Amino acid sequence: MLVYLIFMIGSRFIENGSVAIYEFLWACNQALLVGAFAMISQDSHLLRASIVLVSIDQLLWYVDLVGYAIKKKFMIGVAKYIIWP
């Protein structure tokens, strides 16, 4: 798993620079890696944890998008990057 992690971040770093490290910190990207490891190790609790992690993140996205549509302001900030120039 560590080799895959190094390869994934390394290839993205070569392609995009230091942004790759920031991108890896996103919950969805971490949940993909943790979910794959959970399925390989057949750990249902770890798989559930990765599902909960993504579902919380996605719920906060909806709160942000609805808040932006109504008040033109991101209430939480998880979706704020979509308006970056």
Protein backbone atom coordinates (compact mmCIF):
# COMPACT_ATOMS: atom_id res chain seq x y z
CA MET A 1 0.00 0.00 0.00
CA LEU A 2 2.83 2.38 0.82
CA VAL A 3 4.41 1.77 -2.57
CA TYR A 4 1.11 2.61 -4.28
CA LEU A 5 0.78 5.75 -2.18
CA ILE A 6 4.28 6.93 -3.07
CA PHE A 7 3.73 6.15 -6.75
CA MET A 8 0.37 7.93 -6.83
CA ILE A 9 1.58 11.11 -5.11
CA GLY A 10 4.91 11.03 -6.97
CA SER A 11 3.37 10.79 -10.41
CA ARG A 12 0.88 13.57 -9.61
CA PHE A 13 3.72 15.69 -8.18
CA ILE A 14 5.72 15.37 -11.40
CA GLU A 15 2.63 16.24 -13.42
CA ASN A 16 1.19 19.11 -11.35
CA GLY A 17 3.83 20.17 -8.81
CA SER A 18 3.11 20.72 -5.14
CA VAL A 19 -0.66 20.87 -5.77
CA ALA A 20 -0.58 17.05 -5.74
CA ILE A 21 0.15 17.02 -2.02
CA TYR A 22 -2.83 19.31 -1.38
CA GLU A 23 -5.08 17.16 -3.59
CA PHE A 24 -4.17 14.03 -1.66
CA LEU A 25 -5.50 15.59 1.53
CA TRP A 26 -9.03 15.63 0.08
CA ALA A 27 -11.28 13.14 1.85
CA CYS A 28 -12.43 11.49 -1.39
CA ASN A 29 -8.87 10.68 -2.46
CA GLN A 30 -7.97 9.26 0.93
CA ALA A 31 -11.18 7.24 1.10
CA LEU A 32 -10.37 5.57 -2.23
CA LEU A 33 -7.04 4.39 -0.90
CA VAL A 34 -8.40 3.36 2.51
CA GLY A 35 -11.39 1.63 0.90
CA ALA A 36 -9.13 -0.40 -1.38
CA PHE A 37 -6.95 -1.42 1.55
CA ALA A 38 -10.07 -2.32 3.59
CA MET A 39 -11.35 -4.58 0.82
CA ILE A 40 -7.97 -6.28 0.40
CA SER A 41 -7.66 -6.85 4.15
CA GLN A 42 -11.40 -7.66 4.43
CA ASP A 43 -11.87 -5.16 7.25
CA SER A 44 -15.51 -4.10 7.22
CA HIS A 45 -15.05 -1.47 9.95
CA LEU A 46 -12.35 0.31 7.96
CA LEU A 47 -14.52 0.20 4.84
CA ARG A 48 -17.44 1.71 6.76
CA ALA A 49 -15.15 4.44 8.08
CA SER A 50 -14.09 5.40 4.54
CA ILE A 51 -17.75 5.49 3.44
CA VAL A 52 -18.68 7.74 6.37
CA LEU A 53 -15.72 10.00 5.63
CA VAL A 54 -16.87 10.55 2.05
CA SER A 55 -20.54 10.92 2.96
CA ILE A 56 -19.78 13.68 5.47
CA ASP A 57 -17.66 15.47 2.89
CA GLN A 58 -20.37 15.17 0.24
CA LEU A 59 -23.06 16.41 2.63
CA LEU A 60 -20.96 19.50 3.39
CA TRP A 61 -20.62 20.08 -0.37
CA TYR A 62 -24.40 20.25 -0.70
CA VAL A 63 -24.63 22.69 2.22
CA ASP A 64 -21.99 24.88 0.55
CA LEU A 65 -23.67 24.82 -2.87
CA VAL A 66 -27.11 25.62 -1.49
CA GLY A 67 -25.63 28.41 0.64
CA TYR A 68 -23.86 29.85 -2.38
CA ALA A 69 -27.02 29.69 -4.48
CA ILE A 70 -29.03 31.52 -1.83
CA LYS A 71 -26.56 33.92 -0.17
CA LYS A 72 -23.66 34.00 -2.68
CA LYS A 73 -21.46 32.80 0.18
CA PHE A 74 -19.99 29.39 0.98
CA MET A 75 -21.26 28.48 4.44
CA ILE A 76 -18.58 25.88 5.21
CA GLY A 77 -15.95 26.35 2.53
CA VAL A 78 -15.38 22.83 1.20
CA ALA A 79 -16.60 23.85 -2.27
CA LYS A 80 -14.95 27.26 -2.31
CA TYR A 81 -12.25 26.18 -4.74
CA ILE A 82 -14.75 25.85 -7.60
CA ILE A 83 -14.84 29.64 -8.04
CA TRP A 84 -11.07 30.13 -7.99
CA PRO A 85 -9.81 31.87 -11.14
